[in-house]
N, C-alpha and C. Protein backbone atom coordinates (compact mmCIF):
# COMPACT_ATOMS: atom_id res chain seq x y z
N MET A 1 -5.65 11.68 -10.28
CA MET A 1 -6.63 10.50 -10.47
C MET A 1 -7.18 11.08 -8.93
N ASP A 2 -8.40 10.18 -8.80
CA ASP A 2 -9.52 11.00 -7.66
C ASP A 2 -8.86 10.42 -6.62
N THR A 3 -10.01 10.99 -5.67
CA THR A 3 -9.07 10.62 -3.93
C THR A 3 -9.92 9.04 -3.24
N ILE A 4 -11.15 8.89 -4.21
CA ILE A 4 -11.18 7.26 -4.05
C ILE A 4 -10.36 6.46 -4.63
N ALA A 5 -10.03 6.33 -5.98
CA ALA A 5 -8.87 5.66 -6.62
C ALA A 5 -7.49 5.27 -5.58
N GLN A 6 -7.28 7.07 -5.18
CA GLN A 6 -6.04 7.23 -4.52
C GLN A 6 -6.39 6.08 -3.02
N GLU A 7 -7.41 6.24 -2.56
CA GLU A 7 -8.12 5.47 -1.37
C GLU A 7 -7.73 3.81 -1.48
N GLU A 8 -8.13 3.72 -2.91
CA GLU A 8 -8.40 2.08 -3.23
C GLU A 8 -6.75 1.83 -3.28
N ILE A 9 -6.00 2.63 -4.12
CA ILE A 9 -4.75 2.06 -4.21
C ILE A 9 -3.58 1.78 -2.91
N LYS A 10 -4.00 2.52 -2.19
CA LYS A 10 -3.69 2.71 -0.56
C LYS A 10 -3.53 1.58 0.22
N ALA A 11 -5.03 0.80 0.12
CA ALA A 11 -5.94 -0.20 1.07
C ALA A 11 -5.48 -1.43 -0.04
N HIS A 12 -5.10 -1.65 -1.31
CA HIS A 12 -4.76 -2.57 -1.91
C HIS A 12 -2.73 -2.64 -1.49
N LEU A 13 -2.18 -1.50 -1.56
CA LEU A 13 -0.87 -1.94 -0.89
C LEU A 13 -0.37 -2.42 0.70
N MET A 14 -1.90 -2.09 1.31
CA MET A 14 -1.43 -2.62 2.55
C MET A 14 -1.89 -4.08 2.48
N GLN A 15 -2.78 -4.27 1.80
CA GLN A 15 -3.14 -6.07 1.88
C GLN A 15 -1.78 -6.68 0.97
N THR A 16 -1.09 -6.18 0.14
CA THR A 16 0.10 -6.60 -0.62
C THR A 16 1.33 -6.42 -0.55
N ASN A 17 1.65 -5.33 -0.46
CA ASN A 17 2.70 -4.99 -0.13
C ASN A 17 3.81 -4.75 1.39
N GLU A 18 4.45 -5.58 1.60
CA GLU A 18 5.14 -5.79 2.99
C GLU A 18 5.42 -4.85 3.57
N GLN A 19 6.39 -4.02 2.72
CA GLN A 19 6.94 -2.36 2.60
C GLN A 19 6.27 -1.42 2.97
N TYR A 20 4.61 -1.22 2.07
CA TYR A 20 4.32 -0.39 2.54
C TYR A 20 3.82 -0.39 3.85
N ARG A 21 3.33 -1.51 4.08
CA ARG A 21 2.19 -1.85 5.00
C ARG A 21 3.00 -1.88 6.69
N GLN A 22 4.90 -2.05 6.59
CA GLN A 22 5.06 -1.67 7.51
C GLN A 22 5.32 0.07 7.68
N LEU A 23 5.97 0.72 6.40
CA LEU A 23 5.95 1.81 6.71
C LEU A 23 4.63 2.72 7.32
N MET A 24 3.42 2.06 7.07
CA MET A 24 2.25 2.77 7.40
C MET A 24 2.04 2.29 8.91
N GLU A 25 2.72 1.33 9.64
CA GLU A 25 2.68 0.87 10.83
C GLU A 25 3.48 1.73 11.29
N LYS A 26 4.74 1.81 11.41
CA LYS A 26 5.43 3.05 11.58
C LYS A 26 5.28 4.56 11.76
N HIS A 27 4.86 5.28 10.51
CA HIS A 27 3.57 6.39 10.87
C HIS A 27 2.52 6.17 11.48
N LEU A 28 1.77 5.48 12.01
CA LEU A 28 0.46 5.30 12.93
C LEU A 28 1.42 5.78 14.06
N GLU A 29 2.05 4.47 14.47
CA GLU A 29 3.45 4.73 15.55
C GLU A 29 3.47 6.00 16.15
N TYR A 30 4.41 6.59 14.67
CA TYR A 30 4.59 8.22 15.54
C TYR A 30 3.76 9.33 15.57
N ASP A 31 2.39 8.65 15.01
CA ASP A 31 1.15 9.57 15.39
C ASP A 31 1.03 9.40 16.37
N ARG A 32 0.59 8.32 17.35
CA ARG A 32 0.51 8.11 18.61
C ARG A 32 1.54 9.03 19.29
N LEU A 33 2.40 8.60 18.94
CA LEU A 33 3.87 9.47 19.77
C LEU A 33 3.29 10.73 20.16
N VAL A 34 3.35 11.49 18.66
CA VAL A 34 3.04 12.95 18.52
C VAL A 34 1.95 13.30 19.15
N ALA A 35 0.80 12.07 19.39
CA ALA A 35 -0.32 13.07 20.16
C ALA A 35 -0.63 12.58 21.28
N ASP A 36 0.62 11.90 22.20
CA ASP A 36 0.93 12.01 23.59
C ASP A 36 1.38 13.00 23.80
N LEU A 37 2.70 13.70 23.29
CA LEU A 37 3.13 14.45 23.55
C LEU A 37 2.69 15.60 23.46
N GLU A 38 1.75 15.62 22.49
CA GLU A 38 0.63 17.12 22.31
C GLU A 38 -0.15 17.12 23.43
N GLY A 39 -0.37 15.87 23.86
CA GLY A 39 -1.79 16.19 24.67
C GLY A 39 -1.04 16.27 26.52
N LYS A 40 0.34 16.78 26.58
CA LYS A 40 1.05 16.87 27.88
C LYS A 40 0.81 18.00 28.42
N GLN A 41 0.29 18.26 29.70
CA GLN A 41 -0.27 19.77 30.35
C GLN A 41 1.07 20.62 29.79
N ALA A 42 2.14 20.46 30.66
CA ALA A 42 3.80 20.93 30.64
C ALA A 42 4.65 20.20 29.83
N PRO A 43 4.80 20.19 28.60
CA PRO A 43 5.42 19.82 28.05
C PRO A 43 7.04 20.46 27.92
N THR A 44 8.11 19.68 28.16
CA THR A 44 9.57 19.92 28.55
C THR A 44 9.89 20.32 27.03
N ALA A 45 11.11 20.83 26.89
CA ALA A 45 12.02 21.55 26.26
C ALA A 45 12.31 20.36 24.72
N ALA A 46 12.61 19.01 25.85
CA ALA A 46 13.12 17.69 25.28
C ALA A 46 12.08 17.00 24.63
N ASP A 47 11.00 17.62 25.08
CA ASP A 47 9.40 17.23 24.77
C ASP A 47 9.17 17.19 23.52
N GLU A 48 9.36 18.54 22.94
CA GLU A 48 9.44 19.63 22.22
C GLU A 48 9.99 18.90 20.43
N LEU A 49 11.47 19.28 21.37
CA LEU A 49 12.23 18.26 20.15
C LEU A 49 12.03 16.81 19.56
N GLU A 50 11.52 16.02 20.46
CA GLU A 50 11.12 14.89 20.53
C GLU A 50 9.48 15.47 19.39
N GLU A 51 9.02 15.88 19.76
CA GLU A 51 7.71 16.03 19.32
C GLU A 51 8.19 16.36 17.30
N HIS A 52 9.11 17.53 17.37
CA HIS A 52 9.50 18.06 15.92
C HIS A 52 10.06 16.77 15.46
N ARG A 53 10.98 16.01 16.36
CA ARG A 53 11.63 14.66 15.36
C ARG A 53 11.24 13.92 14.76
N LEU A 54 9.92 13.30 15.80
CA LEU A 54 8.44 12.67 15.51
C LEU A 54 8.36 13.01 14.36
N LYS A 55 7.46 14.58 13.73
CA LYS A 55 6.97 14.96 12.95
C LYS A 55 7.75 14.80 11.49
N LYS A 56 8.89 15.24 11.33
CA LYS A 56 9.71 14.84 10.76
C LYS A 56 9.92 13.52 10.00
N LEU A 57 9.76 12.59 10.75
CA LEU A 57 10.11 11.02 10.12
C LEU A 57 8.50 10.82 10.16
N LYS A 58 7.77 11.06 10.40
CA LYS A 58 6.22 10.99 9.90
C LYS A 58 6.50 11.42 8.49
N LEU A 59 6.95 12.05 8.29
CA LEU A 59 6.97 13.15 6.72
C LEU A 59 7.51 12.42 6.00
N GLN A 60 8.85 11.90 6.27
CA GLN A 60 9.77 10.90 5.29
C GLN A 60 9.17 9.89 4.80
N LEU A 61 8.17 8.89 6.12
CA LEU A 61 7.46 8.10 6.02
C LEU A 61 6.07 8.33 5.10
N LYS A 62 5.42 9.17 5.37
CA LYS A 62 4.51 9.71 3.73
C LYS A 62 4.99 10.03 2.51
N ASP A 63 6.41 10.46 2.32
CA ASP A 63 6.91 10.48 1.66
C ASP A 63 7.05 9.46 0.95
N GLU A 64 8.03 8.67 1.63
CA GLU A 64 8.07 6.99 0.96
C GLU A 64 7.01 6.12 0.64
N MET A 65 6.00 6.53 1.36
CA MET A 65 4.54 5.81 0.75
C MET A 65 3.64 6.19 -0.48
N GLY A 66 4.13 7.40 -0.54
CA GLY A 66 3.72 7.74 -1.85
C GLY A 66 4.29 7.59 -2.71
N GLN A 67 6.19 7.74 -2.52
CA GLN A 67 6.62 6.70 -3.66
C GLN A 67 6.07 5.78 -4.51
N LEU A 68 5.60 4.87 -3.19
CA LEU A 68 5.29 3.53 -3.44
C LEU A 68 3.76 4.01 -4.28
N VAL A 69 3.30 4.31 -4.17
CA VAL A 69 1.65 4.59 -4.74
C VAL A 69 2.24 5.37 -6.13
N SER A 70 2.93 6.03 -5.77
CA SER A 70 3.42 6.46 -7.64
C SER A 70 3.71 5.25 -8.77
N GLU A 71 4.85 4.55 -7.91
CA GLU A 71 5.50 3.39 -8.16
C GLU A 71 4.07 2.45 -9.27
N TYR A 72 3.13 1.80 -8.12
CA TYR A 72 2.10 1.20 -8.52
C TYR A 72 1.31 2.04 -9.83
N LYS A 73 1.18 3.19 -9.17
CA LYS A 73 0.29 3.93 -10.73
C LYS A 73 0.90 3.78 -12.24
N LEU A 74 2.07 3.40 -12.16
CA LEU A 74 2.70 3.74 -13.16
C LEU A 74 2.73 2.08 -13.73
N GLN A 75 3.21 0.80 -12.82
CA GLN A 75 3.21 -0.48 -12.98
C GLN A 75 1.52 -0.47 -13.62
N ALA A 76 0.77 0.03 -13.19
CA ALA A 76 -0.68 -0.54 -13.24
C ALA A 76 -0.87 0.01 -14.67
N ARG A 77 -0.47 0.81 -15.34
CA ARG A 77 -1.02 1.21 -16.39
C ARG A 77 -0.87 0.45 -17.72
């Protein structure tokens, strides 16, 4: 499936699937928090651990969103 179709599916799920929307919102929230931590001049060890933790959580959310996209593709056949 090409990138345009993939983006169309994601946009559709954002409009129609509450679970997908919540996952995306959480992913964006974690992304902002990571950006804040990366922007620190002198991050502490705790900051670096938190950044690592948030990045793992973001990946988990991305996997969950990818699963929803895959399920949608199967249903749309």
